[in-house]
Amino acid sequence: MLAAACGGSGTAPNAGRIAAIVISPDSLSLATGDTEVLRAQARAVTATPLDVRTFFWSTSDSLVATVTQSGVVTARRAGAVQIGASAQGTSGFARVLVFNAVVRRVVVTPPQDTVYATAPSDSATLTAHALDAAGDPLPRAPIFWSSSSTIATVSPTGVVTATGSAPGTATISAMSPDSGEPTGMATVVVVGHTATISVNPTFAYLKTGGAGFLPATVQVVATLTDTFGHDVSAERPVTWSSADPTVATVDPKTGLVTAVATAVGSTQITATAPDGPSASMTVTVFP
C-alpha cells in the first residue's frame, strides 16, 4: 500500500535540534517496476518528533531504485539499495530490496483468429499479457512465441503469418522463461481464398404475387471453392444483392429472391464472397 510522503517546508520555531531522522517503513521489498512511498520524520535527542517538513531524498544506486523528492521509490532492477532522507546535516536510511517479478500466467488475446493462406489478409497480430501471482501485469517480462504448425509462422512480436502451404489450424504459444514456464495459447485458423463461386439456378422466371404456373419466389444457392479445392460454402456466408430491387428483391443473407415488378422486367441477382469474388444469375419477372 502507498503511504503519504512528507512534504512542505520549514522548521517550527524552537523545535530543537535534529538528533535523528526515521524513515518508515525502514525496509521493504519491491518487484521491478513497483513503487512505494516512504515517509521521513525528524526527532530530537529525546525522541520527540520535530516539525521538519522538507527532506532531501537520495538513493545509493539509481540503477536499482530511484527516489523522488516526495519520497516515491521506484524499483528498476534486482539488487539492494539504501534510500536516504536528510535535513540539517542529519540523515536517516531505509533499505530497499528489489527482486525480479515472476510471471505466473500468460494470457494471449484474441484467443482465436482466422487468416487467409495467402495475401491479402494473411496475417494477424496476437498480444501476450504476462501476469504475476496477484494477476497484475508485467509489461516488461520477456515472451517467446512459437507455432505448432508449418501452415503459419509467428514473429517475436506476436504477428502470425500464413505460409500458403495448406489450410488448417495452428496453435500459437506465448511462453515466459520464468519458473514453470507459464504459457498462453491462441488458435489461428488458416483458410484459402475463394477461388470460384457459382450460383444455382443460373436463371429464373417469376410472377409477382405468384399467380398461375410461375412462382413468386426462388431460392438461389451459392457454391464456393477455395484455392485448395475445398468446398467452403457452409463455412463462408455470401452477401446477396439485386441490381434492380424494383424488379426483384433478394434477402441479403439467405438468397431468397422475391418478384415485385408491376411490369415485365429482368435483373441480376449477385452473390459476393467475403473476400471479393462474385457470381450472378438472371431473374425475369412477369406482373
Protein backbone atom coordinates (compact mmCIF):
# COMPACT_ATOMS: atom_id res chain seq x y z
CA MET A 1 0.00 0.00 0.00
CA LEU A 2 1.16 3.54 -0.68
CA ALA A 3 1.78 5.83 2.29
CA ALA A 4 1.81 9.63 2.21
CA ALA A 5 5.28 11.16 1.94
CA CYS A 6 6.34 14.18 3.92
CA GLY A 7 6.26 17.47 2.04
CA GLY A 8 6.13 21.21 2.69
CA SER A 9 8.97 23.29 4.09
CA GLY A 10 10.47 24.85 7.16
CA THR A 11 11.13 24.03 10.78
CA ALA A 12 8.86 25.16 13.61
CA PRO A 13 10.44 27.83 15.85
CA ASN A 14 12.26 26.40 18.86
CA ALA A 15 11.56 22.89 17.66
CA GLY A 16 15.02 21.83 18.73
CA ARG A 17 18.00 20.33 17.02
CA ILE A 18 17.54 17.22 14.88
CA ALA A 19 19.13 14.22 16.54
CA ALA A 20 17.81 11.54 14.18
CA ILE A 21 15.69 11.03 11.08
CA VAL A 22 13.49 7.96 11.00
CA ILE A 23 12.15 6.61 7.68
CA SER A 24 9.12 4.40 7.66
CA PRO A 25 9.00 1.74 6.62
CA ASP A 26 12.69 1.30 7.31
CA SER A 27 12.91 -1.68 4.94
CA LEU A 28 10.81 -3.01 2.10
CA SER A 29 10.89 -5.41 -0.85
CA LEU A 30 9.71 -4.38 -4.30
CA ALA A 31 9.32 -6.18 -7.59
CA THR A 32 10.85 -4.46 -10.57
CA GLY A 33 8.52 -1.74 -11.79
CA ASP A 34 6.75 -1.36 -8.45
CA THR A 35 6.59 1.89 -6.47
CA GLU A 36 6.26 2.70 -2.79
CA VAL A 37 6.17 5.98 -0.86
CA LEU A 38 8.46 6.42 2.16
CA ARG A 39 7.83 8.85 5.00
CA ALA A 40 10.54 10.66 6.94
CA GLN A 41 10.28 12.09 10.46
CA ALA A 42 12.84 14.20 12.33
CA ARG A 43 13.28 13.61 16.07
CA ALA A 44 15.00 15.44 18.86
CA VAL A 45 17.51 13.85 21.20
CA THR A 46 14.57 13.00 23.47
CA ALA A 47 12.93 11.16 20.55
CA THR A 48 10.26 13.85 20.40
CA PRO A 49 9.04 14.41 16.83
CA LEU A 50 10.16 17.70 15.32
CA ASP A 51 8.15 19.75 12.85
CA VAL A 52 10.55 19.35 9.91
CA ARG A 53 8.73 19.02 6.64
CA THR A 54 11.45 19.28 3.97
CA PHE A 55 13.91 16.45 3.40
CA PHE A 56 16.45 15.76 0.69
CA TRP A 57 15.91 12.24 -0.64
CA SER A 58 18.69 10.17 -2.22
CA THR A 59 19.46 6.64 -3.42
CA SER A 60 22.70 4.71 -3.16
CA ASP A 61 22.15 3.14 -6.62
CA SER A 62 19.75 4.73 -9.09
CA LEU A 63 20.10 1.73 -11.41
CA VAL A 64 18.41 -0.46 -8.79
CA ALA A 65 15.89 2.05 -7.41
CA THR A 66 15.17 5.74 -7.79
CA VAL A 67 13.50 8.12 -5.36
CA THR A 68 11.76 11.44 -5.91
CA GLN A 69 11.92 14.42 -3.58
CA SER A 70 8.48 13.36 -2.37
CA GLY A 71 9.84 10.01 -1.19
CA VAL A 72 8.40 7.92 -4.03
CA VAL A 73 10.64 4.90 -4.62
CA THR A 74 10.58 3.08 -7.97
CA ALA A 75 12.22 -0.32 -8.35
CA ARG A 76 14.31 -0.56 -11.51
CA ARG A 77 16.26 -3.83 -11.42
CA ALA A 78 17.16 -6.59 -8.98
CA GLY A 79 19.50 -5.57 -6.19
CA ALA A 80 19.65 -3.77 -2.84
CA VAL A 81 19.89 -0.03 -2.16
CA GLN A 82 19.73 2.46 0.68
CA ILE A 83 17.24 5.28 0.38
CA GLY A 84 18.22 8.30 2.44
CA ALA A 85 16.36 11.32 3.80
CA SER A 86 18.45 14.26 5.04
CA ALA A 87 17.77 17.55 6.81
CA GLN A 88 20.02 19.99 8.69
CA GLY A 89 23.04 17.72 8.27
CA THR A 90 21.35 14.60 9.70
CA SER A 91 20.30 11.58 7.65
CA GLY A 92 18.17 8.51 8.05
CA PHE A 93 18.10 5.46 5.81
CA ALA A 94 15.76 2.72 4.66
CA ARG A 95 16.88 -0.49 2.98
CA VAL A 96 15.10 -1.48 -0.23
CA LEU A 97 15.44 -4.93 -1.76
CA VAL A 98 14.40 -5.17 -5.43
CA PHE A 99 13.62 -8.55 -6.96
CA ASN A 100 12.60 -9.58 -10.44
CA ALA A 101 8.85 -10.09 -10.64
CA VAL A 102 7.94 -13.68 -11.56
CA VAL A 103 5.43 -14.46 -14.30
CA ARG A 104 2.81 -16.91 -13.10
CA ARG A 105 0.37 -16.77 -16.02
CA VAL A 106 0.34 -15.70 -19.68
CA VAL A 107 -2.87 -14.73 -21.47
CA VAL A 108 -2.97 -14.35 -25.26
CA THR A 109 -5.55 -12.15 -26.97
CA PRO A 110 -7.50 -12.69 -29.07
CA PRO A 111 -7.76 -16.38 -28.12
CA GLN A 112 -8.84 -17.27 -31.67
CA ASP A 113 -8.41 -15.66 -35.08
CA THR A 114 -8.72 -16.54 -38.76
CA VAL A 115 -6.34 -15.60 -41.58
CA TYR A 116 -6.16 -16.41 -45.27
CA ALA A 117 -3.39 -18.70 -46.50
CA THR A 118 -2.09 -16.05 -48.89
CA ALA A 119 -2.18 -12.26 -49.12
CA PRO A 120 -4.22 -10.19 -48.65
CA SER A 121 -5.33 -10.69 -45.04
CA ASP A 122 -2.83 -13.49 -44.43
CA SER A 123 -1.65 -12.21 -41.04
CA ALA A 124 -3.00 -11.37 -37.60
CA THR A 125 -1.43 -9.78 -34.52
CA LEU A 126 -1.70 -11.52 -31.15
CA THR A 127 -0.84 -9.91 -27.82
CA ALA A 128 0.61 -11.73 -24.80
CA HIS A 129 -0.16 -10.45 -21.29
CA ALA A 130 2.26 -11.65 -18.60
CA LEU A 131 0.75 -11.64 -15.10
CA ASP A 132 2.22 -12.15 -11.64
CA ALA A 133 0.70 -14.23 -8.83
CA ALA A 134 -1.70 -11.41 -7.93
CA GLY A 135 -2.84 -11.04 -11.53
CA ASP A 136 -1.01 -7.75 -12.01
CA PRO A 137 0.53 -7.17 -15.47
CA LEU A 138 4.28 -7.42 -16.02
CA PRO A 139 4.68 -5.48 -19.29
CA ARG A 140 8.45 -5.84 -19.47
CA ALA A 141 8.55 -9.62 -18.98
CA PRO A 142 10.17 -11.43 -21.93
CA ILE A 143 7.89 -13.66 -24.00
CA PHE A 144 8.88 -16.33 -26.54
CA TRP A 145 6.44 -17.14 -29.35
CA SER A 146 6.09 -20.42 -31.24
CA SER A 147 3.73 -22.10 -33.72
CA SER A 148 2.61 -25.71 -33.66
CA SER A 149 2.31 -25.97 -37.44
CA THR A 150 4.16 -25.06 -40.61
CA ILE A 151 0.99 -23.53 -42.06
CA ALA A 152 1.67 -20.36 -40.03
CA THR A 153 4.70 -18.65 -38.52
CA VAL A 154 4.81 -16.20 -35.63
CA SER A 155 7.24 -13.31 -35.14
CA PRO A 156 8.89 -12.31 -31.83
CA THR A 157 6.20 -9.60 -31.53
CA GLY A 158 3.23 -11.94 -31.97
CA VAL A 159 2.48 -11.33 -35.68
CA VAL A 160 1.11 -14.57 -37.15
CA THR A 161 1.52 -15.03 -40.92
CA ALA A 162 0.20 -17.92 -43.01
CA THR A 163 2.78 -19.64 -45.21
CA GLY A 164 0.37 -20.52 -48.03
CA SER A 165 1.26 -24.20 -47.77
CA ALA A 166 -2.13 -25.52 -46.65
CA PRO A 167 -5.31 -24.69 -44.76
CA GLY A 168 -5.77 -25.88 -41.20
CA THR A 169 -5.33 -24.87 -37.58
CA ALA A 170 -2.19 -23.72 -35.80
CA THR A 171 -1.75 -23.34 -32.06
CA ILE A 172 0.28 -20.23 -31.27
CA SER A 173 2.06 -20.29 -27.90
CA ALA A 174 3.48 -17.41 -25.85
CA MET A 175 5.85 -18.70 -23.15
CA SER A 176 7.58 -16.98 -20.26
CA PRO A 177 11.04 -18.30 -19.29
CA ASP A 178 10.22 -17.84 -15.59
CA SER A 179 9.86 -20.75 -13.20
CA GLY A 180 7.39 -23.31 -14.52
CA GLU A 181 7.47 -21.69 -17.96
CA PRO A 182 3.88 -20.39 -17.86
CA THR A 183 2.39 -20.38 -21.36
CA GLY A 184 -0.63 -18.81 -23.01
CA MET A 185 -2.12 -20.08 -26.26
CA ALA A 186 -4.31 -18.95 -29.13
CA THR A 187 -5.80 -20.83 -32.08
CA VAL A 188 -5.31 -19.47 -35.59
CA VAL A 189 -7.39 -20.97 -38.39
CA VAL A 190 -5.86 -20.71 -41.87
CA VAL A 191 -8.26 -20.77 -44.82
CA GLY A 192 -7.84 -20.46 -48.56
CA HIS A 193 -9.18 -17.53 -50.55
CA THR A 194 -12.32 -18.09 -52.58
CA ALA A 195 -11.15 -19.36 -55.98
CA THR A 196 -14.53 -19.92 -57.64
CA ILE A 197 -18.14 -19.11 -56.87
CA SER A 198 -21.22 -20.32 -58.74
CA VAL A 199 -24.96 -19.88 -58.25
CA ASN A 200 -27.87 -22.22 -58.87
CA PRO A 201 -30.20 -21.76 -60.66
CA THR A 202 -28.49 -19.54 -63.23
CA PHE A 203 -31.82 -18.03 -64.32
CA ALA A 204 -35.45 -18.00 -63.17
CA TYR A 205 -38.87 -16.77 -64.27
CA LEU A 206 -41.09 -15.33 -61.56
CA LYS A 207 -44.52 -13.74 -61.39
CA THR A 208 -45.38 -11.02 -58.94
CA GLY A 209 -47.87 -12.49 -56.49
CA GLY A 210 -47.20 -15.99 -57.78
CA ALA A 211 -50.48 -16.48 -59.64
CA GLY A 212 -50.60 -19.12 -62.38
CA PHE A 213 -47.76 -21.57 -63.08
CA LEU A 214 -44.90 -19.16 -62.22
CA PRO A 215 -43.79 -18.83 -58.59
CA ALA A 216 -43.30 -15.50 -56.79
CA THR A 217 -40.01 -16.57 -55.19
CA VAL A 218 -36.96 -18.65 -55.92
CA GLN A 219 -34.20 -19.83 -53.59
CA VAL A 220 -30.75 -19.24 -55.08
CA VAL A 221 -27.80 -21.19 -53.68
CA ALA A 222 -24.11 -20.28 -53.93
CA THR A 223 -21.26 -22.80 -54.07
CA LEU A 224 -17.77 -21.63 -53.11
CA THR A 225 -14.48 -23.44 -53.70
CA ASP A 226 -11.24 -22.22 -52.14
CA THR A 227 -7.72 -22.12 -53.56
CA PHE A 228 -7.05 -25.60 -52.15
CA GLY A 229 -10.03 -27.09 -53.98
CA HIS A 230 -12.20 -27.41 -50.87
CA ASP A 231 -15.91 -26.68 -50.88
CA VAL A 232 -16.24 -23.91 -48.29
CA SER A 233 -19.87 -22.97 -48.96
CA ALA A 234 -21.00 -23.92 -45.47
CA GLU A 235 -18.17 -22.02 -43.79
CA ARG A 236 -18.23 -18.79 -45.78
CA PRO A 237 -21.53 -16.88 -45.93
CA VAL A 238 -22.06 -14.79 -49.04
CA THR A 239 -23.84 -11.46 -49.38
CA TRP A 240 -26.73 -11.31 -51.84
CA SER A 241 -27.82 -8.22 -53.78
CA SER A 242 -30.24 -7.26 -56.55
CA ALA A 243 -29.21 -4.96 -59.39
CA ASP A 244 -32.78 -3.61 -59.56
CA PRO A 245 -34.86 -4.06 -56.40
CA THR A 246 -37.91 -2.64 -58.21
CA VAL A 247 -37.95 -5.82 -60.32
CA ALA A 248 -36.97 -8.38 -57.68
CA THR A 249 -35.57 -8.23 -54.18
CA VAL A 250 -33.27 -10.72 -52.50
CA ASP A 251 -32.65 -11.48 -48.85
CA PRO A 252 -29.01 -10.40 -48.33
CA LYS A 253 -28.29 -13.37 -46.08
CA THR A 254 -30.37 -16.27 -47.42
CA GLY A 255 -30.53 -15.65 -51.20
CA LEU A 256 -34.34 -15.90 -51.35
CA VAL A 257 -35.48 -13.87 -54.38
CA THR A 258 -38.96 -12.31 -54.48
CA ALA A 259 -40.67 -10.82 -57.54
CA VAL A 260 -42.05 -7.27 -57.04
CA ALA A 261 -42.24 -5.73 -60.54
CA THR A 262 -45.51 -4.26 -61.86
CA ALA A 263 -44.28 -4.60 -65.43
CA VAL A 264 -42.17 -7.19 -67.25
CA GLY A 265 -38.53 -6.78 -66.34
CA SER A 266 -35.25 -8.53 -65.62
CA THR A 267 -32.50 -8.05 -63.05
CA GLN A 268 -29.25 -9.63 -61.91
CA ILE A 269 -29.05 -11.34 -58.53
CA THR A 270 -25.45 -11.45 -57.30
CA ALA A 271 -23.72 -13.49 -54.60
CA THR A 272 -20.47 -11.96 -53.28
CA ALA A 273 -17.95 -13.91 -51.22
CA PRO A 274 -16.39 -12.30 -48.10
CA ASP A 275 -13.05 -11.94 -49.89
CA GLY A 276 -14.45 -10.46 -53.08
CA PRO A 277 -15.33 -12.95 -55.87
CA SER A 278 -18.93 -12.92 -57.07
CA ALA A 279 -21.35 -14.70 -59.39
CA SER A 280 -24.75 -13.69 -60.76
CA MET A 281 -27.97 -15.16 -62.13
CA THR A 282 -30.81 -13.53 -64.11
CA VAL A 283 -34.37 -13.20 -62.90
CA THR A 284 -37.18 -12.24 -65.28
CA VAL A 285 -40.39 -11.09 -63.64
CA PHE A 286 -43.89 -11.01 -65.11
CA PRO A 287 -46.57 -8.88 -63.39
